[in-house]
Amino acid sequence: MFDEQGKEQGMVGQGGQLYVRSDDEQSRWRVVWGEAVEEQCWTAPHQEAGAEQALLVCT
């Protein structure tokens, strides 16, 4: 999992859960699980007010 500058920001764990640590709430991240173009996507956090976790949807 990489930020828009290509810096590693997290990892994908068991069951496809993403683990990210970032203070930047406006970030987009590139999730890569293979070498083909079809094996990557971009995602951005969506967090409900007061929630401890954010929902990430790949597009």
C-alpha atoms as a PDB file:
ATOM      1  CA  MET A   1       0.000   0.000   0.000  1.00  0.00           C
ATOM      2  CA  PHE A   2       1.567   3.246  -1.187  1.00  0.00           C
ATOM      3  CA  ASP A   3       0.774   6.958  -1.022  1.00  0.00           C
ATOM      4  CA  GLU A   4       0.605   9.234  -4.065  1.00  0.00           C
ATOM      5  CA  GLN A   5       4.385   9.805  -3.854  1.00  0.00           C
ATOM      6  CA  GLY A   6       5.088   6.046  -3.909  1.00  0.00           C
ATOM      7  CA  LYS A   7       6.017   5.798  -0.220  1.00  0.00           C
ATOM      8  CA  GLU A   8       4.853   2.646   1.565  1.00  0.00           C
ATOM      9  CA  GLN A   9       2.049   3.497   4.016  1.00  0.00           C
ATOM     10  CA  GLY A  10       0.582   0.187   5.127  1.00  0.00           C
ATOM     11  CA  MET A  11       0.018  -3.459   4.358  1.00  0.00           C
ATOM     12  CA  VAL A  12      -2.710  -5.932   3.514  1.00  0.00           C
ATOM     13  CA  GLY A  13      -3.293  -8.557   6.165  1.00  0.00           C
ATOM     14  CA  GLN A  14      -5.233 -11.766   6.496  1.00  0.00           C
ATOM     15  CA  GLY A  15      -8.733 -11.666   5.040  1.00  0.00           C
ATOM     16  CA  GLY A  16      -7.893  -8.646   2.876  1.00  0.00           C
ATOM     17  CA  GLN A  17      -7.845  -6.203   5.793  1.00  0.00           C
ATOM     18  CA  LEU A  18      -5.765  -3.088   5.163  1.00  0.00           C
ATOM     19  CA  TYR A  19      -3.564  -1.716   7.907  1.00  0.00           C
ATOM     20  CA  VAL A  20      -2.676   1.947   7.398  1.00  0.00           C
ATOM     21  CA  ARG A  21      -1.161   4.521   9.686  1.00  0.00           C
ATOM     22  CA  SER A  22      -1.513   8.081   8.438  1.00  0.00           C
ATOM     23  CA  ASP A  23      -2.370  11.463   9.872  1.00  0.00           C
ATOM     24  CA  ASP A  24      -3.348  12.796   6.449  1.00  0.00           C
ATOM     25  CA  GLU A  25      -7.129  12.437   6.160  1.00  0.00           C
ATOM     26  CA  GLN A  26      -7.111  13.647   2.541  1.00  0.00           C
ATOM     27  CA  SER A  27      -4.718  10.968   1.228  1.00  0.00           C
ATOM     28  CA  ARG A  28      -5.293   8.506  -1.558  1.00  0.00           C
ATOM     29  CA  TRP A  29      -3.450   5.203  -1.511  1.00  0.00           C
ATOM     30  CA  ARG A  30      -2.552   2.684  -4.190  1.00  0.00           C
ATOM     31  CA  VAL A  31      -3.173  -0.904  -3.119  1.00  0.00           C
ATOM     32  CA  VAL A  32      -1.121  -3.475  -5.042  1.00  0.00           C
ATOM     33  CA  TRP A  33      -1.577  -7.256  -4.815  1.00  0.00           C
ATOM     34  CA  GLY A  34       0.190  -8.284  -8.032  1.00  0.00           C
ATOM     35  CA  GLU A  35       2.190  -6.951 -10.972  1.00  0.00           C
ATOM     36  CA  ALA A  36      -0.606  -6.512 -13.537  1.00  0.00           C
ATOM     37  CA  VAL A  37      -2.539  -3.247 -13.910  1.00  0.00           C
ATOM     38  CA  GLU A  38      -5.692  -5.172 -12.930  1.00  0.00           C
ATOM     39  CA  GLU A  39      -4.025  -6.117  -9.641  1.00  0.00           C
ATOM     40  CA  GLN A  40      -3.984  -2.648  -8.141  1.00  0.00           C
ATOM     41  CA  CYS A  41      -6.436   0.090  -7.253  1.00  0.00           C
ATOM     42  CA  TRP A  42      -6.691   3.521  -5.629  1.00  0.00           C
ATOM     43  CA  THR A  43      -8.541   4.106  -2.393  1.00  0.00           C
ATOM     44  CA  ALA A  44      -9.254   6.991  -0.031  1.00  0.00           C
ATOM     45  CA  PRO A  45     -10.522   6.852   3.552  1.00  0.00           C
ATOM     46  CA  HIS A  46     -14.120   7.480   4.518  1.00  0.00           C
ATOM     47  CA  GLN A  47     -14.524   7.774   8.273  1.00  0.00           C
ATOM     48  CA  GLU A  48     -17.718   8.488  10.155  1.00  0.00           C
ATOM     49  CA  ALA A  49     -17.497  11.157  12.860  1.00  0.00           C
ATOM     50  CA  GLY A  50     -16.242   9.641  16.108  1.00  0.00           C
ATOM     51  CA  ALA A  51     -15.306   6.308  14.506  1.00  0.00           C
ATOM     52  CA  GLU A  52     -11.935   4.730  15.245  1.00  0.00           C
ATOM     53  CA  GLN A  53     -11.739   2.946  11.889  1.00  0.00           C
ATOM     54  CA  ALA A  54     -12.257   4.107   8.313  1.00  0.00           C
ATOM     55  CA  LEU A  55     -13.842   2.315   5.374  1.00  0.00           C
ATOM     56  CA  LEU A  56     -11.615   1.975   2.302  1.00  0.00           C
ATOM     57  CA  VAL A  57     -13.135   1.148  -1.089  1.00  0.00           C
ATOM     58  CA  CYS A  58     -10.892   0.367  -4.064  1.00  0.00           C
ATOM     59  CA  THR A  59     -11.733   1.954  -7.406  1.00  0.00           C
END
